[in-house]
Amino acid sequence: WILSLPLWVYRVLMLGWALWLAFALLGWLRWGWEALQQGGLWRALPPRRRHATAAGNRAGEAHNPPQPPPGREG
């Protein structure tokens, strides 16, 4: 047995497969983009911790480094 079809049948099948693949890819990309955006695409960084001395300083004031606790010099 040999199954023979005209060339245009093959071309129509390939066109159909290519169109299906293109539309499926667009759907997969849309799904992936929505999954990335869920909860925010660009999430905010957690707030940075500040030193107690740095938080109270204003512009122009000298920075006082933290002092060691009494009895623990050196």
PDB file of N, CA and C in Angstrom:
ATOM      1  N   TRP A   1       0.827  -1.181   0.000  1.00  0.00           N
ATOM      2  CA  TRP A   1       0.000   0.000   0.000  1.00  0.00           C
ATOM      3  C   TRP A   1       0.878   1.253   0.000  1.00  0.00           C
ATOM      4  N   ILE A   2       0.499   2.194  -0.825  1.00  0.00           N
ATOM      5  CA  ILE A   2       1.127   3.511  -0.854  1.00  0.00           C
ATOM      6  C   ILE A   2       0.004   4.537  -0.850  1.00  0.00           C
ATOM      7  N   LEU A   3       0.053   5.386   0.140  1.00  0.00           N
ATOM      8  CA  LEU A   3      -0.954   6.444   0.236  1.00  0.00           C
ATOM      9  C   LEU A   3      -0.357   7.702  -0.376  1.00  0.00           C
ATOM     10  N   SER A   4      -0.974   8.196  -1.407  1.00  0.00           N
ATOM     11  CA  SER A   4      -0.452   9.361  -2.105  1.00  0.00           C
ATOM     12  C   SER A   4      -1.514  10.452  -2.111  1.00  0.00           C
ATOM     13  N   LEU A   5      -1.096  11.637  -1.706  1.00  0.00           N
ATOM     14  CA  LEU A   5      -2.004  12.786  -1.701  1.00  0.00           C
ATOM     15  C   LEU A   5      -1.350  13.914  -2.482  1.00  0.00           C
ATOM     16  N   PRO A   6      -2.155  14.809  -3.014  1.00  0.00           N
ATOM     17  CA  PRO A   6      -1.556  15.946  -3.719  1.00  0.00           C
ATOM     18  C   PRO A   6      -0.754  16.827  -2.752  1.00  0.00           C
ATOM     19  N   LEU A   7       0.190  17.559  -3.290  1.00  0.00           N
ATOM     20  CA  LEU A   7       1.061  18.402  -2.494  1.00  0.00           C
ATOM     21  C   LEU A   7       0.285  19.494  -1.760  1.00  0.00           C
ATOM     22  N   TRP A   8      -0.802  19.980  -2.344  1.00  0.00           N
ATOM     23  CA  TRP A   8      -1.561  21.048  -1.700  1.00  0.00           C
ATOM     24  C   TRP A   8      -2.186  20.571  -0.386  1.00  0.00           C
ATOM     25  N   VAL A   9      -2.488  19.297  -0.252  1.00  0.00           N
ATOM     26  CA  VAL A   9      -3.041  18.774   1.002  1.00  0.00           C
ATOM     27  C   VAL A   9      -1.988  18.902   2.108  1.00  0.00           C
ATOM     28  N   TYR A  10      -0.753  18.530   1.777  1.00  0.00           N
ATOM     29  CA  TYR A  10       0.346  18.667   2.740  1.00  0.00           C
ATOM     30  C   TYR A  10       0.521  20.133   3.138  1.00  0.00           C
ATOM     31  N   ARG A  11       0.482  21.028   2.156  1.00  0.00           N
ATOM     32  CA  ARG A  11       0.662  22.450   2.441  1.00  0.00           C
ATOM     33  C   ARG A  11      -0.468  23.002   3.313  1.00  0.00           C
ATOM     34  N   VAL A  12      -1.680  22.575   3.077  1.00  0.00           N
ATOM     35  CA  VAL A  12      -2.816  23.026   3.898  1.00  0.00           C
ATOM     36  C   VAL A  12      -2.675  22.508   5.324  1.00  0.00           C
ATOM     37  N   LEU A  13      -2.257  21.251   5.471  1.00  0.00           N
ATOM     38  CA  LEU A  13      -2.049  20.701   6.810  1.00  0.00           C
ATOM     39  C   LEU A  13      -0.943  21.458   7.549  1.00  0.00           C
ATOM     40  N   MET A  14       0.150  21.767   6.876  1.00  0.00           N
ATOM     41  CA  MET A  14       1.250  22.505   7.497  1.00  0.00           C
ATOM     42  C   MET A  14       0.813  23.927   7.859  1.00  0.00           C
ATOM     43  N   LEU A  15       0.011  24.559   7.009  1.00  0.00           N
ATOM     44  CA  LEU A  15      -0.508  25.896   7.317  1.00  0.00           C
ATOM     45  C   LEU A  15      -1.404  25.848   8.548  1.00  0.00           C
ATOM     46  N   GLY A  16      -2.258  24.865   8.614  1.00  0.00           N
ATOM     47  CA  GLY A  16      -3.131  24.717   9.782  1.00  0.00           C
ATOM     48  C   GLY A  16      -2.329  24.496  11.062  1.00  0.00           C
ATOM     49  N   TRP A  17      -1.327  23.643  10.984  1.00  0.00           N
ATOM     50  CA  TRP A  17      -0.487  23.382  12.160  1.00  0.00           C
ATOM     51  C   TRP A  17       0.276  24.638  12.575  1.00  0.00           C
ATOM     52  N   ALA A  18       0.808  25.393  11.609  1.00  0.00           N
ATOM     53  CA  ALA A  18       1.555  26.617  11.917  1.00  0.00           C
ATOM     54  C   ALA A  18       0.634  27.667  12.556  1.00  0.00           C
ATOM     55  N   LEU A  19      -0.578  27.802  12.046  1.00  0.00           N
ATOM     56  CA  LEU A  19      -1.530  28.756  12.640  1.00  0.00           C
ATOM     57  C   LEU A  19      -1.914  28.332  14.050  1.00  0.00           C
ATOM     58  N   TRP A  20      -2.162  27.046  14.242  1.00  0.00           N
ATOM     59  CA  TRP A  20      -2.483  26.565  15.591  1.00  0.00           C
ATOM     60  C   TRP A  20      -1.332  26.854  16.546  1.00  0.00           C
ATOM     61  N   LEU A  21      -0.113  26.582  16.105  1.00  0.00           N
ATOM     62  CA  LEU A  21       1.062  26.801  16.947  1.00  0.00           C
ATOM     63  C   LEU A  21       1.221  28.281  17.300  1.00  0.00           C
ATOM     64  N   ALA A  22       0.998  29.166  16.334  1.00  0.00           N
ATOM     65  CA  ALA A  22       1.127  30.604  16.583  1.00  0.00           C
ATOM     66  C   ALA A  22       0.098  31.065  17.611  1.00  0.00           C
ATOM     67  N   PHE A  23      -1.157  30.664  17.455  1.00  0.00           N
ATOM     68  CA  PHE A  23      -2.190  31.073  18.405  1.00  0.00           C
ATOM     69  C   PHE A  23      -1.975  30.440  19.779  1.00  0.00           C
ATOM     70  N   ALA A  24      -1.526  29.200  19.810  1.00  0.00           N
ATOM     71  CA  ALA A  24      -1.244  28.545  21.089  1.00  0.00           C
ATOM     72  C   ALA A  24      -0.095  29.252  21.802  1.00  0.00           C
ATOM     73  N   LEU A  25       0.929  29.640  21.060  1.00  0.00           N
ATOM     74  CA  LEU A  25       2.065  30.343  21.653  1.00  0.00           C
ATOM     75  C   LEU A  25       1.631  31.683  22.235  1.00  0.00           C
ATOM     76  N   LEU A  26       0.774  32.403  21.532  1.00  0.00           N
ATOM     77  CA  LEU A  26       0.259  33.668  22.069  1.00  0.00           C
ATOM     78  C   LEU A  26      -0.520  33.443  23.363  1.00  0.00           C
ATOM     79  N   GLY A  27      -1.295  32.398  23.409  1.00  0.00           N
ATOM     80  CA  GLY A  27      -2.035  32.077  24.632  1.00  0.00           C
ATOM     81  C   GLY A  27      -1.108  31.704  25.780  1.00  0.00           C
ATOM     82  N   TRP A  28      -0.065  30.942  25.486  1.00  0.00           N
ATOM     83  CA  TRP A  28       0.894  30.552  26.526  1.00  0.00           C
ATOM     84  C   TRP A  28       1.652  31.773  27.036  1.00  0.00           C
ATOM     85  N   LEU A  29       2.022  32.682  26.135  1.00  0.00           N
ATOM     86  CA  LEU A  29       2.711  33.908  26.552  1.00  0.00           C
ATOM     87  C   LEU A  29       1.817  34.775  27.426  1.00  0.00           C
ATOM     88  N   ARG A  30       0.547  34.893  27.055  1.00  0.00           N
ATOM     89  CA  ARG A  30      -0.405  35.668  27.864  1.00  0.00           C
ATOM     90  C   ARG A  30      -0.549  35.038  29.250  1.00  0.00           C
ATOM     91  N   TRP A  31      -0.645  33.724  29.313  1.00  0.00           N
ATOM     92  CA  TRP A  31      -0.764  33.027  30.591  1.00  0.00           C
ATOM     93  C   TRP A  31       0.490  33.260  31.446  1.00  0.00           C
ATOM     94  N   GLY A  32       1.666  33.166  30.822  1.00  0.00           N
ATOM     95  CA  GLY A  32       2.908  33.384  31.561  1.00  0.00           C
ATOM     96  C   GLY A  32       3.033  34.804  32.072  1.00  0.00           C
ATOM     97  N   TRP A  33       2.652  35.774  31.258  1.00  0.00           N
ATOM     98  CA  TRP A  33       2.721  37.183  31.672  1.00  0.00           C
ATOM     99  C   TRP A  33       1.784  37.439  32.853  1.00  0.00           C
ATOM    100  N   GLU A  34       0.577  36.903  32.799  1.00  0.00           N
ATOM    101  CA  GLU A  34      -0.368  37.072  33.904  1.00  0.00           C
ATOM    102  C   GLU A  34       0.146  36.394  35.168  1.00  0.00           C
ATOM    103  N   ALA A  35       0.806  35.249  35.021  1.00  0.00           N
ATOM    104  CA  ALA A  35       1.360  34.561  36.184  1.00  0.00           C
ATOM    105  C   ALA A  35       2.480  35.385  36.811  1.00  0.00           C
ATOM    106  N   LEU A  36       3.299  36.037  35.981  1.00  0.00           N
ATOM    107  CA  LEU A  36       4.366  36.880  36.508  1.00  0.00           C
ATOM    108  C   LEU A  36       3.822  38.121  37.205  1.00  0.00           C
ATOM    109  N   GLN A  37       2.712  38.649  36.696  1.00  0.00           N
ATOM    110  CA  GLN A  37       2.151  39.867  37.268  1.00  0.00           C
ATOM    111  C   GLN A  37       1.348  39.611  38.532  1.00  0.00           C
ATOM    112  N   GLN A  38       1.004  38.396  38.796  1.00  0.00           N
ATOM    113  CA  GLN A  38       0.191  38.088  39.970  1.00  0.00           C
ATOM    114  C   GLN A  38       0.967  38.444  41.228  1.00  0.00           C
ATOM    115  N   GLY A  39       0.409  39.330  42.023  1.00  0.00           N
ATOM    116  CA  GLY A  39       1.095  39.786  43.217  1.00  0.00           C
ATOM    117  C   GLY A  39       2.079  40.897  42.918  1.00  0.00           C
ATOM    118  N   GLY A  40       2.090  41.375  41.708  1.00  0.00           N
ATOM    119  CA  GLY A  40       2.982  42.470  41.344  1.00  0.00           C
ATOM    120  C   GLY A  40       4.206  41.956  40.609  1.00  0.00           C
ATOM    121  N   LEU A  41       4.416  42.477  39.421  1.00  0.00           N
ATOM    122  CA  LEU A  41       5.571  42.045  38.639  1.00  0.00           C
ATOM    123  C   LEU A  41       6.857  42.512  39.289  1.00  0.00           C
ATOM    124  N   TRP A  42       6.878  43.756  39.733  1.00  0.00           N
ATOM    125  CA  TRP A  42       8.055  44.311  40.400  1.00  0.00           C
ATOM    126  C   TRP A  42       7.710  44.467  41.868  1.00  0.00           C
ATOM    127  N   ARG A  43       8.116  43.543  42.656  1.00  0.00           N
ATOM    128  CA  ARG A  43       7.811  43.583  44.087  1.00  0.00           C
ATOM    129  C   ARG A  43       8.739  44.563  44.782  1.00  0.00           C
ATOM    130  N   ALA A  44       8.181  45.293  45.740  1.00  0.00           N
ATOM    131  CA  ALA A  44       8.976  46.258  46.485  1.00  0.00           C
ATOM    132  C   ALA A  44       9.953  45.526  47.402  1.00  0.00           C
ATOM    133  N   LEU A  45      11.129  46.097  47.542  1.00  0.00           N
ATOM    134  CA  LEU A  45      12.112  45.519  48.445  1.00  0.00           C
ATOM    135  C   LEU A  45      11.673  45.751  49.877  1.00  0.00           C
ATOM    136  N   PRO A  46      12.037  44.870  50.795  1.00  0.00           N
ATOM    137  CA  PRO A  46      11.691  45.105  52.195  1.00  0.00           C
ATOM    138  C   PRO A  46      12.416  46.350  52.689  1.00  0.00           C
ATOM    139  N   PRO A  47      11.824  47.072  53.655  1.00  0.00           N
ATOM    140  CA  PRO A  47      12.470  48.288  54.139  1.00  0.00           C
ATOM    141  C   PRO A  47      13.820  47.980  54.770  1.00  0.00           C
ATOM    142  N   ARG A  48      14.788  48.874  54.535  1.00  0.00           N
ATOM    143  CA  ARG A  48      16.122  48.696  55.085  1.00  0.00           C
ATOM    144  C   ARG A  48      16.126  49.108  56.542  1.00  0.00           C
ATOM    145  N   ARG A  49      16.877  48.357  57.339  1.00  0.00           N
ATOM    146  CA  ARG A  49      17.013  48.715  58.750  1.00  0.00           C
ATOM    147  C   ARG A  49      18.038  49.827  58.871  1.00  0.00           C
ATOM    148  N   ARG A  50      17.744  50.802  59.725  1.00  0.00           N
ATOM    149  CA  ARG A  50      18.655  51.909  59.949  1.00  0.00           C
ATOM    150  C   ARG A  50      19.274  51.783  61.320  1.00  0.00           C
ATOM    151  N   HIS A  51      20.484  52.314  61.449  1.00  0.00           N
ATOM    152  CA  HIS A  51      21.093  52.417  62.771  1.00  0.00           C
ATOM    153  C   HIS A  51      20.312  53.424  63.581  1.00  0.00           C
ATOM    154  N   ALA A  52      20.263  53.229  64.877  1.00  0.00           N
ATOM    155  CA  ALA A  52      19.543  54.168  65.736  1.00  0.00           C
ATOM    156  C   ALA A  52      20.168  55.555  65.665  1.00  0.00           C
ATOM    157  N   THR A  53      21.508  55.629  65.531  1.00  0.00           N
ATOM    158  CA  THR A  53      22.160  56.931  65.476  1.00  0.00           C
ATOM    159  C   THR A  53      21.958  57.578  64.110  1.00  0.00           C
ATOM    160  N   ALA A  54      21.917  56.785  63.054  1.00  0.00           N
ATOM    161  CA  ALA A  54      21.772  57.359  61.719  1.00  0.00           C
ATOM    162  C   ALA A  54      20.358  57.869  61.491  1.00  0.00           C
ATOM    163  N   ALA A  55      19.377  57.258  62.133  1.00  0.00           N
ATOM    164  CA  ALA A  55      17.999  57.671  61.923  1.00  0.00           C
ATOM    165  C   ALA A  55      17.741  59.045  62.521  1.00  0.00           C
ATOM    166  N   GLY A  56      18.415  59.386  63.609  1.00  0.00           N
ATOM    167  CA  GLY A  56      18.161  60.661  64.257  1.00  0.00           C
ATOM    168  C   GLY A  56      18.993  61.792  63.702  1.00  0.00           C
ATOM    169  N   ASN A  57      20.002  61.509  62.886  1.00  0.00           N
ATOM    170  CA  ASN A  57      20.861  62.562  62.351  1.00  0.00           C
ATOM    171  C   ASN A  57      20.129  63.373  61.294  1.00  0.00           C
ATOM    172  N   ARG A  58      20.378  64.672  61.307  1.00  0.00           N
ATOM    173  CA  ARG A  58      19.868  65.543  60.258  1.00  0.00           C
ATOM    174  C   ARG A  58      21.047  66.003  59.425  1.00  0.00           C
ATOM    175  N   ALA A  59      20.751  66.620  58.292  1.00  0.00           N
ATOM    176  CA  ALA A  59      21.819  67.103  57.413  1.00  0.00           C
ATOM    177  C   ALA A  59      22.647  68.141  58.156  1.00  0.00           C
ATOM    178  N   GLY A  60      23.949  68.019  58.089  1.00  0.00           N
ATOM    179  CA  GLY A  60      24.840  68.981  58.713  1.00  0.00           C
ATOM    180  C   GLY A  60      25.279  68.606  60.106  1.00  0.00           C
ATOM    181  N   GLU A  61      24.630  67.630  60.746  1.00  0.00           N
ATOM    182  CA  GLU A  61      25.032  67.220  62.088  1.00  0.00           C
ATOM    183  C   GLU A  61      26.125  66.154  61.987  1.00  0.00           C
ATOM    184  N   ALA A  62      27.002  66.159  62.944  1.00  0.00           N
ATOM    185  CA  ALA A  62      28.086  65.169  62.963  1.00  0.00           C
ATOM    186  C   ALA A  62      27.526  63.797  63.313  1.00  0.00           C
ATOM    187  N   HIS A  63      28.134  62.792  62.761  1.00  0.00           N
ATOM    188  CA  HIS A  63      27.722  61.412  63.043  1.00  0.00           C
ATOM    189  C   HIS A  63      28.470  60.915  64.264  1.00  0.00           C
ATOM    190  N   ASN A  64      27.756  60.454  65.258  1.00  0.00           N
ATOM    191  CA  ASN A  64      28.361  59.909  66.471  1.00  0.00           C
ATOM    192  C   ASN A  64      28.319  58.395  66.388  1.00  0.00           C
ATOM    193  N   PRO A  65      29.480  57.749  66.307  1.00  0.00           N
ATOM    194  CA  PRO A  65      29.460  56.281  66.235  1.00  0.00           C
ATOM    195  C   PRO A  65      28.957  55.687  67.547  1.00  0.00           C
ATOM    196  N   PRO A  66      28.368  54.491  67.501  1.00  0.00           N
ATOM    197  CA  PRO A  66      27.863  53.874  68.729  1.00  0.00           C
ATOM    198  C   PRO A  66      29.001  53.595  69.706  1.00  0.00           C
ATOM    199  N   GLN A  67      28.710  53.795  70.968  1.00  0.00           N
ATOM    200  CA  GLN A  67      29.696  53.575  72.023  1.00  0.00           C
ATOM    201  C   GLN A  67      29.518  52.172  72.584  1.00  0.00           C
ATOM    202  N   PRO A  68      30.628  51.518  72.985  1.00  0.00           N
ATOM    203  CA  PRO A  68      30.494  50.182  73.582  1.00  0.00           C
ATOM    204  C   PRO A  68      29.811  50.290  74.951  1.00  0.00           C
ATOM    205  N   PRO A  69      29.110  49.250  75.361  1.00  0.00           N
ATOM    206  CA  PRO A  69      28.452  49.286  76.670  1.00  0.00           C
ATOM    207  C   PRO A  69      29.477  49.397  77.796  1.00  0.00           C
ATOM    208  N   PRO A  70      29.092  49.979  78.909  1.00  0.00           N
ATOM    209  CA  PRO A  70      30.036  50.106  80.035  1.00  0.00           C
ATOM    210  C   PRO A  70      30.517  48.745  80.513  1.00  0.00           C
ATOM    211  N   GLY A  71      31.797  48.669  80.854  1.00  0.00           N
ATOM    212  CA  GLY A  71      32.369  47.426  81.358  1.00  0.00           C
ATOM    213  C   GLY A  71      32.885  46.531  80.244  1.00  0.00           C
ATOM    214  N   ARG A  72      32.738  46.916  79.005  1.00  0.00           N
ATOM    215  CA  ARG A  72      33.202  46.081  77.890  1.00  0.00           C
ATOM    216  C   ARG A  72      34.144  46.880  76.991  1.00  0.00           C
ATOM    217  N   GLU A  73      35.002  47.655  77.544  1.00  0.00           N
ATOM    218  CA  GLU A  73      35.957  48.407  76.744  1.00  0.00           C
ATOM    219  C   GLU A  73      37.002  47.458  76.158  1.00  0.00           C
ATOM    220  N   GLY A  74      37.498  47.872  74.996  1.00  0.00           N
ATOM    221  CA  GLY A  74      38.625  47.168  74.423  1.00  0.00           C
ATOM    222  C   GLY A  74      38.199  46.182  73.471  1.00  0.00           C
TER     223      GLY A  74
END
